[in-house]
Amino acid sequence: MAIKILIERRIEPGQEGNLREAMNGIRPRVTQARGFVSGETLRSVDDPSFHLVISAWKSVEDWQTWMNSAERKAFQEKMAALLVEPEKISAYQTDTFVDVRGGMVATLKEAIGVTD
């Protein structure tokens, strides 16, 4: 089952540079993780201390493997020092994928070539 992970983070004011540095450090590692499809980090226009990370994974198991890895745990420790409150992680099953370039609507499984 393809999934999307949403991670909500609220950082201490003035920690934006440290957040950017930490994110840049982990990005090459997560992109090489088994099952990683894509990811993006968003910063709220209304509240610059609020960040939302959205990543897509081929399966729940792939996400859990990454989540429990030593690299992710070390990253999470760095993050904890920058946060006002603990990060909130939510997982969602991905059913529909829209490719706006071609007007195609497909399941994410079809788009990334996953078969059950």
PDB file of N, CA and C in Angstrom:
ATOM      1  N   MET A   1       0.835  -1.174   0.000  1.00  0.00           N
ATOM      2  CA  MET A   1       0.000   0.000   0.000  1.00  0.00           C
ATOM      3  C   MET A   1       0.886   1.247   0.000  1.00  0.00           C
ATOM      4  N   ALA A   2       0.744   2.105  -0.993  1.00  0.00           N
ATOM      5  CA  ALA A   2       1.479   3.368  -1.048  1.00  0.00           C
ATOM      6  C   ALA A   2       0.925   4.321   0.005  1.00  0.00           C
ATOM      7  N   ILE A   3       1.818   5.086   0.627  1.00  0.00           N
ATOM      8  CA  ILE A   3       1.387   6.001   1.680  1.00  0.00           C
ATOM      9  C   ILE A   3       2.071   7.352   1.557  1.00  0.00           C
ATOM     10  N   LYS A   4       1.475   8.324   2.211  1.00  0.00           N
ATOM     11  CA  LYS A   4       2.091   9.633   2.393  1.00  0.00           C
ATOM     12  C   LYS A   4       2.212   9.875   3.882  1.00  0.00           C
ATOM     13  N   ILE A   5       3.330  10.448   4.264  1.00  0.00           N
ATOM     14  CA  ILE A   5       3.609  10.775   5.652  1.00  0.00           C
ATOM     15  C   ILE A   5       3.617  12.289   5.784  1.00  0.00           C
ATOM     16  N   LEU A   6       2.877  12.804   6.761  1.00  0.00           N
ATOM     17  CA  LEU A   6       2.879  14.230   7.068  1.00  0.00           C
ATOM     18  C   LEU A   6       3.532  14.416   8.428  1.00  0.00           C
ATOM     19  N   ILE A   7       4.560  15.259   8.477  1.00  0.00           N
ATOM     20  CA  ILE A   7       5.253  15.550   9.723  1.00  0.00           C
ATOM     21  C   ILE A   7       5.114  17.037   9.995  1.00  0.00           C
ATOM     22  N   GLU A   8       4.484  17.365  11.107  1.00  0.00           N
ATOM     23  CA  GLU A   8       4.292  18.759  11.507  1.00  0.00           C
ATOM     24  C   GLU A   8       5.349  19.125  12.537  1.00  0.00           C
ATOM     25  N   ARG A   9       6.035  20.256  12.279  1.00  0.00           N
ATOM     26  CA  ARG A   9       7.059  20.724  13.211  1.00  0.00           C
ATOM     27  C   ARG A   9       6.890  22.217  13.458  1.00  0.00           C
ATOM     28  N   ARG A  10       6.949  22.591  14.721  1.00  0.00           N
ATOM     29  CA  ARG A  10       6.945  24.005  15.105  1.00  0.00           C
ATOM     30  C   ARG A  10       8.288  24.267  15.770  1.00  0.00           C
ATOM     31  N   ILE A  11       9.090  25.144  15.136  1.00  0.00           N
ATOM     32  CA  ILE A  11      10.441  25.375  15.635  1.00  0.00           C
ATOM     33  C   ILE A  11      10.530  26.661  16.458  1.00  0.00           C
ATOM     34  N   GLU A  12      11.563  26.709  17.279  1.00  0.00           N
ATOM     35  CA  GLU A  12      11.845  27.906  18.060  1.00  0.00           C
ATOM     36  C   GLU A  12      12.170  29.052  17.107  1.00  0.00           C
ATOM     37  N   PRO A  13      11.673  30.262  17.387  1.00  0.00           N
ATOM     38  CA  PRO A  13      12.032  31.415  16.556  1.00  0.00           C
ATOM     39  C   PRO A  13      13.558  31.576  16.513  1.00  0.00           C
ATOM     40  N   GLY A  14      14.072  31.883  15.342  1.00  0.00           N
ATOM     41  CA  GLY A  14      15.509  32.070  15.165  1.00  0.00           C
ATOM     42  C   GLY A  14      16.270  30.800  14.830  1.00  0.00           C
ATOM     43  N   GLN A  15      15.584  29.664  14.777  1.00  0.00           N
ATOM     44  CA  GLN A  15      16.243  28.386  14.502  1.00  0.00           C
ATOM     45  C   GLN A  15      16.112  27.954  13.029  1.00  0.00           C
ATOM     46  N   GLU A  16      15.645  28.843  12.183  1.00  0.00           N
ATOM     47  CA  GLU A  16      15.417  28.492  10.778  1.00  0.00           C
ATOM     48  C   GLU A  16      16.685  27.988  10.087  1.00  0.00           C
ATOM     49  N   GLY A  17      17.807  28.662  10.344  1.00  0.00           N
ATOM     50  CA  GLY A  17      19.070  28.248   9.730  1.00  0.00           C
ATOM     51  C   GLY A  17      19.499  26.862  10.181  1.00  0.00           C
ATOM     52  N   ASN A  18      19.337  26.572  11.463  1.00  0.00           N
ATOM     53  CA  ASN A  18      19.686  25.247  11.984  1.00  0.00           C
ATOM     54  C   ASN A  18      18.753  24.175  11.427  1.00  0.00           C
ATOM     55  N   LEU A  19      17.491  24.518  11.252  1.00  0.00           N
ATOM     56  CA  LEU A  19      16.542  23.582  10.656  1.00  0.00           C
ATOM     57  C   LEU A  19      16.950  23.285   9.218  1.00  0.00           C
ATOM     58  N   ARG A  20      17.242  24.311   8.462  1.00  0.00           N
ATOM     59  CA  ARG A  20      17.641  24.146   7.063  1.00  0.00           C
ATOM     60  C   ARG A  20      18.888  23.265   6.959  1.00  0.00           C
ATOM     61  N   GLU A  21      19.863  23.512   7.846  1.00  0.00           N
ATOM     62  CA  GLU A  21      21.095  22.725   7.846  1.00  0.00           C
ATOM     63  C   GLU A  21      20.807  21.253   8.150  1.00  0.00           C
ATOM     64  N   ALA A  22      19.979  21.003   9.144  1.00  0.00           N
ATOM     65  CA  ALA A  22      19.631  19.622   9.504  1.00  0.00           C
ATOM     66  C   ALA A  22      18.891  18.936   8.362  1.00  0.00           C
ATOM     67  N   MET A  23      17.961  19.637   7.742  1.00  0.00           N
ATOM     68  CA  MET A  23      17.191  19.070   6.628  1.00  0.00           C
ATOM     69  C   MET A  23      18.100  18.761   5.441  1.00  0.00           C
ATOM     70  N   ASN A  24      19.010  19.676   5.143  1.00  0.00           N
ATOM     71  CA  ASN A  24      19.941  19.448   4.035  1.00  0.00           C
ATOM     72  C   ASN A  24      20.857  18.265   4.309  1.00  0.00           C
ATOM     73  N   GLY A  25      21.162  18.019   5.585  1.00  0.00           N
ATOM     74  CA  GLY A  25      22.008  16.892   5.944  1.00  0.00           C
ATOM     75  C   GLY A  25      21.323  15.545   5.804  1.00  0.00           C
ATOM     76  N   ILE A  26      20.038  15.492   6.089  1.00  0.00           N
ATOM     77  CA  ILE A  26      19.318  14.216   6.049  1.00  0.00           C
ATOM     78  C   ILE A  26      18.746  13.912   4.661  1.00  0.00           C
ATOM     79  N   ARG A  27      18.489  14.950   3.880  1.00  0.00           N
ATOM     80  CA  ARG A  27      17.828  14.763   2.571  1.00  0.00           C
ATOM     81  C   ARG A  27      18.514  13.718   1.683  1.00  0.00           C
ATOM     82  N   PRO A  28      19.846  13.762   1.500  1.00  0.00           N
ATOM     83  CA  PRO A  28      20.471  12.743   0.636  1.00  0.00           C
ATOM     84  C   PRO A  28      20.294  11.327   1.169  1.00  0.00           C
ATOM     85  N   ARG A  29      20.216  11.174   2.465  1.00  0.00           N
ATOM     86  CA  ARG A  29      20.057   9.835   3.058  1.00  0.00           C
ATOM     87  C   ARG A  29      18.636   9.307   2.853  1.00  0.00           C
ATOM     88  N   VAL A  30      17.648  10.164   3.090  1.00  0.00           N
ATOM     89  CA  VAL A  30      16.263   9.696   2.958  1.00  0.00           C
ATOM     90  C   VAL A  30      15.928   9.393   1.504  1.00  0.00           C
ATOM     91  N   THR A  31      16.475  10.157   0.577  1.00  0.00           N
ATOM     92  CA  THR A  31      16.173   9.902  -0.834  1.00  0.00           C
ATOM     93  C   THR A  31      16.735   8.571  -1.314  1.00  0.00           C
ATOM     94  N   GLN A  32      17.706   8.032  -0.593  1.00  0.00           N
ATOM     95  CA  GLN A  32      18.281   6.732  -0.934  1.00  0.00           C
ATOM     96  C   GLN A  32      17.622   5.582  -0.161  1.00  0.00           C
ATOM     97  N   ALA A  33      16.716   5.911   0.750  1.00  0.00           N
ATOM     98  CA  ALA A  33      16.062   4.878   1.558  1.00  0.00           C
ATOM     99  C   ALA A  33      15.150   4.017   0.687  1.00  0.00           C
ATOM    100  N   ARG A  34      15.094   2.740   1.008  1.00  0.00           N
ATOM    101  CA  ARG A  34      14.231   1.824   0.267  1.00  0.00           C
ATOM    102  C   ARG A  34      12.784   2.297   0.331  1.00  0.00           C
ATOM    103  N   GLY A  35      12.138   2.385  -0.809  1.00  0.00           N
ATOM    104  CA  GLY A  35      10.727   2.726  -0.859  1.00  0.00           C
ATOM    105  C   GLY A  35      10.400   4.202  -0.879  1.00  0.00           C
ATOM    106  N   PHE A  36      11.419   5.069  -0.755  1.00  0.00           N
ATOM    107  CA  PHE A  36      11.154   6.512  -0.794  1.00  0.00           C
ATOM    108  C   PHE A  36      10.769   6.899  -2.218  1.00  0.00           C
ATOM    109  N   VAL A  37       9.687   7.675  -2.355  1.00  0.00           N
ATOM    110  CA  VAL A  37       9.207   8.109  -3.666  1.00  0.00           C
ATOM    111  C   VAL A  37       9.476   9.594  -3.866  1.00  0.00           C
ATOM    112  N   SER A  38       9.059  10.418  -2.906  1.00  0.00           N
ATOM    113  CA  SER A  38       9.236  11.864  -3.048  1.00  0.00           C
ATOM    114  C   SER A  38       9.066  12.538  -1.693  1.00  0.00           C
ATOM    115  N   GLY A  39       9.461  13.800  -1.643  1.00  0.00           N
ATOM    116  CA  GLY A  39       9.286  14.556  -0.420  1.00  0.00           C
ATOM    117  C   GLY A  39       9.375  16.044  -0.657  1.00  0.00           C
ATOM    118  N   GLU A  40       8.746  16.790   0.221  1.00  0.00           N
ATOM    119  CA  GLU A  40       8.832  18.248   0.165  1.00  0.00           C
ATOM    120  C   GLU A  40       8.642  18.808   1.561  1.00  0.00           C
ATOM    121  N   THR A  41       9.216  19.983   1.778  1.00  0.00           N
ATOM    122  CA  THR A  41       9.073  20.670   3.057  1.00  0.00           C
ATOM    123  C   THR A  41       8.410  22.009   2.797  1.00  0.00           C
ATOM    124  N   LEU A  42       7.349  22.293   3.544  1.00  0.00           N
ATOM    125  CA  LEU A  42       6.595  23.531   3.391  1.00  0.00           C
ATOM    126  C   LEU A  42       6.710  24.355   4.659  1.00  0.00           C
ATOM    127  N   ARG A  43       6.776  25.675   4.502  1.00  0.00           N
ATOM    128  CA  ARG A  43       6.759  26.578   5.658  1.00  0.00           C
ATOM    129  C   ARG A  43       5.508  27.434   5.567  1.00  0.00           C
ATOM    130  N   SER A  44       4.805  27.550   6.664  1.00  0.00           N
ATOM    131  CA  SER A  44       3.554  28.299   6.696  1.00  0.00           C
ATOM    132  C   SER A  44       3.798  29.773   6.373  1.00  0.00           C
ATOM    133  N   VAL A  45       2.941  30.322   5.530  1.00  0.00           N
ATOM    134  CA  VAL A  45       2.994  31.746   5.209  1.00  0.00           C
ATOM    135  C   VAL A  45       2.542  32.571   6.414  1.00  0.00           C
ATOM    136  N   ASP A  46       1.566  32.057   7.138  1.00  0.00           N
ATOM    137  CA  ASP A  46       1.006  32.778   8.279  1.00  0.00           C
ATOM    138  C   ASP A  46       1.836  32.633   9.556  1.00  0.00           C
ATOM    139  N   ASP A  47       2.572  31.523   9.672  1.00  0.00           N
ATOM    140  CA  ASP A  47       3.357  31.256  10.880  1.00  0.00           C
ATOM    141  C   ASP A  47       4.683  30.614  10.467  1.00  0.00           C
ATOM    142  N   PRO A  48       5.730  31.423  10.233  1.00  0.00           N
ATOM    143  CA  PRO A  48       7.007  30.898   9.739  1.00  0.00           C
ATOM    144  C   PRO A  48       7.679  29.873  10.657  1.00  0.00           C
ATOM    145  N   SER A  49       7.190  29.726  11.888  1.00  0.00           N
ATOM    146  CA  SER A  49       7.773  28.719  12.771  1.00  0.00           C
ATOM    147  C   SER A  49       7.180  27.329  12.500  1.00  0.00           C
ATOM    148  N   PHE A  50       6.094  27.267  11.706  1.00  0.00           N
ATOM    149  CA  PHE A  50       5.422  26.001  11.435  1.00  0.00           C
ATOM    150  C   PHE A  50       5.869  25.435  10.097  1.00  0.00           C
ATOM    151  N   HIS A  51       6.357  24.188  10.129  1.00  0.00           N
ATOM    152  CA  HIS A  51       6.821  23.497   8.923  1.00  0.00           C
ATOM    153  C   HIS A  51       6.074  22.182   8.772  1.00  0.00           C
ATOM    154  N   LEU A  52       5.784  21.837   7.529  1.00  0.00           N
ATOM    155  CA  LEU A  52       5.102  20.594   7.212  1.00  0.00           C
ATOM    156  C   LEU A  52       5.950  19.832   6.200  1.00  0.00           C
ATOM    157  N   VAL A  53       6.312  18.607   6.540  1.00  0.00           N
ATOM    158  CA  VAL A  53       7.062  17.740   5.634  1.00  0.00           C
ATOM    159  C   VAL A  53       6.090  16.708   5.093  1.00  0.00           C
ATOM    160  N   ILE A  54       6.073  16.555   3.777  1.00  0.00           N
ATOM    161  CA  ILE A  54       5.212  15.566   3.132  1.00  0.00           C
ATOM    162  C   ILE A  54       6.114  14.630   2.340  1.00  0.00           C
ATOM    163  N   SER A  55       6.034  13.345   2.638  1.00  0.00           N
ATOM    164  CA  SER A  55       6.825  12.387   1.873  1.00  0.00           C
ATOM    165  C   SER A  55       5.929  11.242   1.415  1.00  0.00           C
ATOM    166  N   ALA A  56       6.284  10.665   0.279  1.00  0.00           N
ATOM    167  CA  ALA A  56       5.550   9.531  -0.271  1.00  0.00           C
ATOM    168  C   ALA A  56       6.457   8.308  -0.234  1.00  0.00           C
ATOM    169  N   TRP A  57       5.873   7.184   0.149  1.00  0.00           N
ATOM    170  CA  TRP A  57       6.605   5.917   0.290  1.00  0.00           C
ATOM    171  C   TRP A  57       5.830   4.814  -0.409  1.00  0.00           C
ATOM    172  N   LYS A  58       6.538   3.829  -0.922  1.00  0.00           N
ATOM    173  CA  LYS A  58       5.886   2.720  -1.611  1.00  0.00           C
ATOM    174  C   LYS A  58       5.063   1.860  -0.670  1.00  0.00           C
ATOM    175  N   SER A  59       5.468   1.786   0.610  1.00  0.00           N
ATOM    176  CA  SER A  59       4.718   0.952   1.556  1.00  0.00           C
ATOM    177  C   SER A  59       4.899   1.458   2.981  1.00  0.00           C
ATOM    178  N   VAL A  60       3.989   1.052   3.841  1.00  0.00           N
ATOM    179  CA  VAL A  60       4.084   1.368   5.264  1.00  0.00           C
ATOM    180  C   VAL A  60       5.370   0.764   5.828  1.00  0.00           C
ATOM    181  N   GLU A  61       5.690  -0.446   5.388  1.00  0.00           N
ATOM    182  CA  GLU A  61       6.896  -1.117   5.878  1.00  0.00           C
ATOM    183  C   GLU A  61       8.156  -0.342   5.524  1.00  0.00           C
ATOM    184  N   ASP A  62       8.210   0.223   4.317  1.00  0.00           N
ATOM    185  CA  ASP A  62       9.372   1.031   3.923  1.00  0.00           C
ATOM    186  C   ASP A  62       9.501   2.252   4.829  1.00  0.00           C
ATOM    187  N   TRP A  63       8.384   2.924   5.091  1.00  0.00           N
ATOM    188  CA  TRP A  63       8.408   4.081   5.985  1.00  0.00           C
ATOM    189  C   TRP A  63       8.871   3.683   7.381  1.00  0.00           C
ATOM    190  N   GLN A  64       8.316   2.596   7.905  1.00  0.00           N
ATOM    191  CA  GLN A  64       8.669   2.161   9.256  1.00  0.00           C
ATOM    192  C   GLN A  64      10.145   1.781   9.359  1.00  0.00           C
ATOM    193  N   THR A  65      10.683   1.171   8.307  1.00  0.00           N
ATOM    194  CA  THR A  65      12.106   0.837   8.294  1.00  0.00           C
ATOM    195  C   THR A  65      12.933   2.104   8.389  1.00  0.00           C
ATOM    196  N   TRP A  66      12.573   3.124   7.600  1.00  0.00           N
ATOM    197  CA  TRP A  66      13.290   4.399   7.661  1.00  0.00           C
ATOM    198  C   TRP A  66      13.089   5.058   9.028  1.00  0.00           C
ATOM    199  N   MET A  67      11.864   5.085   9.514  1.00  0.00           N
ATOM    200  CA  MET A  67      11.546   5.728  10.790  1.00  0.00           C
ATOM    201  C   MET A  67      12.354   5.125  11.943  1.00  0.00           C
ATOM    202  N   ASN A  68      12.604   3.827  11.892  1.00  0.00           N
ATOM    203  CA  ASN A  68      13.329   3.135  12.960  1.00  0.00           C
ATOM    204  C   ASN A  68      14.831   3.025  12.714  1.00  0.00           C
ATOM    205  N   SER A  69      15.307   3.604  11.616  1.00  0.00           N
ATOM    206  CA  SER A  69      16.736   3.521  11.307  1.00  0.00           C
ATOM    207  C   SER A  69      17.557   4.406  12.245  1.00  0.00           C
ATOM    208  N   ALA A  70      18.801   4.060  12.409  1.00  0.00           N
ATOM    209  CA  ALA A  70      19.710   4.848  13.253  1.00  0.00           C
ATOM    210  C   ALA A  70      19.863   6.267  12.698  1.00  0.00           C
ATOM    211  N   GLU A  71      19.901   6.402  11.378  1.00  0.00           N
ATOM    212  CA  GLU A  71      20.037   7.731  10.765  1.00  0.00           C
ATOM    213  C   GLU A  71      18.840   8.622  11.098  1.00  0.00           C
ATOM    214  N   ARG A  72      17.649   8.077  10.993  1.00  0.00           N
ATOM    215  CA  ARG A  72      16.441   8.858  11.279  1.00  0.00           C
ATOM    216  C   ARG A  72      16.369   9.208  12.763  1.00  0.00           C
ATOM    217  N   LYS A  73      16.759   8.278  13.620  1.00  0.00           N
ATOM    218  CA  LYS A  73      16.727   8.542  15.059  1.00  0.00           C
ATOM    219  C   LYS A  73      17.728   9.638  15.434  1.00  0.00           C
ATOM    220  N   ALA A  74      18.922   9.620  14.821  1.00  0.00           N
ATOM    221  CA  ALA A  74      19.920  10.669  15.092  1.00  0.00           C
ATOM    222  C   ALA A  74      19.400  12.019  14.609  1.00  0.00           C
ATOM    223  N   PHE A  75      18.753  12.035  13.458  1.00  0.00           N
ATOM    224  CA  PHE A  75      18.165  13.258  12.925  1.00  0.00           C
ATOM    225  C   PHE A  75      17.075  13.777  13.854  1.00  0.00           C
ATOM    226  N   GLN A  76      16.246  12.881  14.347  1.00  0.00           N
ATOM    227  CA  GLN A  76      15.149  13.262  15.230  1.00  0.00           C
ATOM    228  C   GLN A  76      15.683  13.897  16.522  1.00  0.00           C
ATOM    229  N   GLU A  77      16.810  13.413  17.008  1.00  0.00           N
ATOM    230  CA  GLU A  77      17.425  14.015  18.196  1.00  0.00           C
ATOM    231  C   GLU A  77      17.862  15.450  17.911  1.00  0.00           C
ATOM    232  N   LYS A  78      18.446  15.692  16.729  1.00  0.00           N
ATOM    233  CA  LYS A  78      18.832  17.058  16.340  1.00  0.00           C
ATOM    234  C   LYS A  78      17.599  17.951  16.258  1.00  0.00           C
ATOM    235  N   MET A  79      16.536  17.402  15.675  1.00  0.00           N
ATOM    236  CA  MET A  79      15.297  18.162  15.515  1.00  0.00           C
ATOM    237  C   MET A  79      14.720  18.556  16.865  1.00  0.00           C
ATOM    238  N   ALA A  80      14.732  17.642  17.807  1.00  0.00           N
ATOM    239  CA  ALA A  80      14.115  17.877  19.117  1.00  0.00           C
ATOM    240  C   ALA A  80      14.662  19.148  19.768  1.00  0.00           C
ATOM    241  N   ALA A  81      15.934  19.439  19.551  1.00  0.00           N
ATOM    242  CA  ALA A  81      16.549  20.632  20.145  1.00  0.00           C
ATOM    243  C   ALA A  81      16.035  21.924  19.516  1.00  0.00           C
ATOM    244  N   LEU A  82      15.435  21.828  18.332  1.00  0.00           N
ATOM    245  CA  LEU A  82      14.962  23.013  17.612  1.00  0.00           C
ATOM    246  C   LEU A  82      13.459  23.255  17.782  1.00  0.00           C
ATOM    247  N   LEU A  83      12.761  22.283  18.312  1.00  0.00           N
ATOM    248  CA  LEU A  83      11.296  22.320  18.338  1.00  0.00           C
ATOM    249  C   LEU A  83      10.726  22.933  19.610  1.00  0.00           C
ATOM    250  N   VAL A  84       9.592  23.588  19.448  1.00  0.00           N
ATOM    251  CA  VAL A  84       8.829  24.134  20.569  1.00  0.00           C
ATOM    252  C   VAL A  84       8.018  23.022  21.228  1.00  0.00           C
ATOM    253  N   GLU A  85       7.590  22.053  20.414  1.00  0.00           N
ATOM    254  CA  GLU A  85       6.784  20.924  20.881  1.00  0.00           C
ATOM    255  C   GLU A  85       7.183  19.709  20.056  1.00  0.00           C
ATOM    256  N   PRO A  86       6.881  18.498  20.515  1.00  0.00           N
ATOM    257  CA  PRO A  86       7.248  17.308  19.751  1.00  0.00           C
ATOM    258  C   PRO A  86       6.620  17.312  18.356  1.00  0.00           C
ATOM    259  N   GLU A  87       7.357  16.773  17.375  1.00  0.00           N
ATOM    260  CA  GLU A  87       6.798  16.688  16.027  1.00  0.00           C
ATOM    261  C   GLU A  87       5.603  15.741  16.031  1.00  0.00           C
ATOM    262  N   LYS A  88       4.674  15.991  15.118  1.00  0.00           N
ATOM    263  CA  LYS A  88       3.484  15.147  14.980  1.00  0.00           C
ATOM    264  C   LYS A  88       3.569  14.456  13.629  1.00  0.00           C
ATOM    265  N   ILE A  89       3.476  13.135  13.637  1.00  0.00           N
ATOM    266  CA  ILE A  89       3.578  12.347  12.414  1.00  0.00           C
ATOM    267  C   ILE A  89       2.249  11.659  12.151  1.00  0.00           C
ATOM    268  N   SER A  90       1.746  11.808  10.913  1.00  0.00           N
ATOM    269  CA  SER A  90       0.501  11.163  10.495  1.00  0.00           C
ATOM    270  C   SER A  90       0.754  10.426   9.182  1.00  0.00           C
ATOM    271  N   ALA A  91       0.168   9.246   9.048  1.00  0.00           N
ATOM    272  CA  ALA A  91       0.301   8.456   7.821  1.00  0.00           C
ATOM    273  C   ALA A  91      -1.052   8.358   7.131  1.00  0.00           C
ATOM    274  N   TYR A  92      -1.025   8.461   5.803  1.00  0.00           N
ATOM    275  CA  TYR A  92      -2.251   8.402   5.007  1.00  0.00           C
ATOM    276  C   TYR A  92      -2.058   7.450   3.844  1.00  0.00           C
ATOM    277  N   GLN A  93      -3.046   6.618   3.609  1.00  0.00           N
ATOM    278  CA  GLN A  93      -3.032   5.756   2.439  1.00  0.00           C
ATOM    279  C   GLN A  93      -3.272   6.622   1.209  1.00  0.00           C
ATOM    280  N   THR A  94      -2.513   6.374   0.169  1.00  0.00           N
ATOM    281  CA  THR A  94      -2.652   7.142  -1.060  1.00  0.00           C
ATOM    282  C   THR A  94      -3.475   6.343  -2.057  1.00  0.00           C
ATOM    283  N   ASP A  95      -4.612   6.896  -2.454  1.00  0.00           N
ATOM    284  CA  ASP A  95      -5.478   6.217  -3.404  1.00  0.00           C
ATOM    285  C   ASP A  95      -5.414   6.820  -4.804  1.00  0.00           C
ATOM    286  N   THR A  96      -5.389   8.150  -4.890  1.00  0.00           N
ATOM    287  CA  THR A  96      -5.463   8.812  -6.188  1.00  0.00           C
ATOM    288  C   THR A  96      -4.273   9.741  -6.372  1.00  0.00           C
ATOM    289  N   PHE A  97      -3.756   9.761  -7.562  1.00  0.00           N
ATOM    290  CA  PHE A  97      -2.619  10.586  -7.934  1.00  0.00           C
ATOM    291  C   PHE A  97      -3.021  11.375  -9.173  1.00  0.00           C
ATOM    292  N   VAL A  98      -2.765  12.662  -9.186  1.00  0.00           N
ATOM    293  CA  VAL A  98      -3.103  13.492 -10.337  1.00  0.00           C
ATOM    294  C   VAL A  98      -1.815  14.055 -10.916  1.00  0.00           C
ATOM    295  N   ASP A  99      -1.583  13.784 -12.194  1.00  0.00           N
ATOM    296  CA  ASP A  99      -0.438  14.344 -12.907  1.00  0.00           C
ATOM    297  C   ASP A  99      -0.969  15.518 -13.720  1.00  0.00           C
ATOM    298  N   VAL A 100      -0.757  16.746 -13.228  1.00  0.00           N
ATOM    299  CA  VAL A 100      -1.338  17.912 -13.879  1.00  0.00           C
ATOM    300  C   VAL A 100      -0.681  18.209 -15.220  1.00  0.00           C
ATOM    301  N   ARG A 101       0.502  17.686 -15.442  1.00  0.00           N
ATOM    302  CA  ARG A 101       1.164  17.920 -16.729  1.00  0.00           C
ATOM    303  C   ARG A 101       0.409  17.250 -17.860  1.00  0.00           C
ATOM    304  N   GLY A 102      -0.090  16.041 -17.613  1.00  0.00           N
ATOM    305  CA  GLY A 102      -0.769  15.311 -18.666  1.00  0.00           C
ATOM    306  C   GLY A 102      -2.252  15.150 -18.431  1.00  0.00           C
ATOM    307  N   GLY A 103      -2.753  15.708 -17.333  1.00  0.00           N
ATOM    308  CA  GLY A 103      -4.157  15.575 -17.018  1.00  0.00           C
ATOM    309  C   GLY A 103      -4.542  14.157 -16.631  1.00  0.00           C
ATOM    310  N   MET A 104      -3.544  13.328 -16.277  1.00  0.00           N
ATOM    311  CA  MET A 104      -3.796  11.939 -15.963  1.00  0.00           C
ATOM    312  C   MET A 104      -4.225  11.778 -14.510  1.00  0.00           C
ATOM    313  N   VAL A 105      -5.175  10.933 -14.288  1.00  0.00           N
ATOM    314  CA  VAL A 105      -5.565  10.552 -12.927  1.00  0.00           C
ATOM    315  C   VAL A 105      -5.330   9.049 -12.826  1.00  0.00           C
ATOM    316  N   ALA A 106      -4.558   8.644 -11.844  1.00  0.00           N
ATOM    317  CA  ALA A 106      -4.257   7.224 -11.656  1.00  0.00           C
ATOM    318  C   ALA A 106      -4.049   6.971 -10.175  1.00  0.00           C
ATOM    319  N   THR A 107      -3.995   5.721  -9.808  1.00  0.00           N
ATOM    320  CA  THR A 107      -3.611   5.427  -8.442  1.00  0.00           C
ATOM    321  C   THR A 107      -2.113   5.661  -8.336  1.00  0.00           C
ATOM    322  N   LEU A 108      -1.641   5.966  -7.148  1.00  0.00           N
ATOM    323  CA  LEU A 108      -0.212   6.153  -6.953  1.00  0.00           C
ATOM    324  C   LEU A 108       0.519   4.855  -7.278  1.00  0.00           C
ATOM    325  N   LYS A 109      -0.081   3.725  -6.959  1.00  0.00           N
ATOM    326  CA  LYS A 109       0.539   2.442  -7.274  1.00  0.00           C
ATOM    327  C   LYS A 109       0.820   2.342  -8.769  1.00  0.00           C
ATOM    328  N   GLU A 110      -0.146   2.735  -9.592  1.00  0.00           N
ATOM    329  CA  GLU A 110       0.052   2.695 -11.039  1.00  0.00           C
ATOM    330  C   GLU A 110       1.156   3.649 -11.469  1.00  0.00           C
ATOM    331  N   ALA A 111       1.176   4.841 -10.889  1.00  0.00           N
ATOM    332  CA  ALA A 111       2.142   5.850 -11.280  1.00  0.00           C
ATOM    333  C   ALA A 111       3.579   5.458 -10.964  1.00  0.00           C
ATOM    334  N   ILE A 112       3.782   4.739  -9.838  1.00  0.00           N
ATOM    335  CA  ILE A 112       5.148   4.359  -9.470  1.00  0.00           C
ATOM    336  C   ILE A 112       5.461   2.907  -9.778  1.00  0.00           C
ATOM    337  N   GLY A 113       4.506   2.210 -10.386  1.00  0.00           N
ATOM    338  CA  GLY A 113       4.747   0.843 -10.833  1.00  0.00           C
ATOM    339  C   GLY A 113       4.755  -0.198  -9.733  1.00  0.00           C
ATOM    340  N   VAL A 114       3.990   0.005  -8.678  1.00  0.00           N
ATOM    341  CA  VAL A 114       3.922  -0.972  -7.592  1.00  0.00           C
ATOM    342  C   VAL A 114       2.831  -1.976  -7.893  1.00  0.00           C
ATOM    343  N   THR A 115       3.153  -3.253  -7.720  1.00  0.00           N
ATOM    344  CA  THR A 115       2.133  -4.293  -7.857  1.00  0.00           C
ATOM    345  C   THR A 115       2.031  -5.037  -6.539  1.00  0.00           C
ATOM    346  N   ASP A 116       0.839  -5.468  -6.227  1.00  0.00           N
ATOM    347  CA  ASP A 116       0.624  -6.212  -4.961  1.00  0.00           C
ATOM    348  C   ASP A 116       0.971  -7.650  -5.114  1.00  0.00           C
TER     349      ASP A 116
END
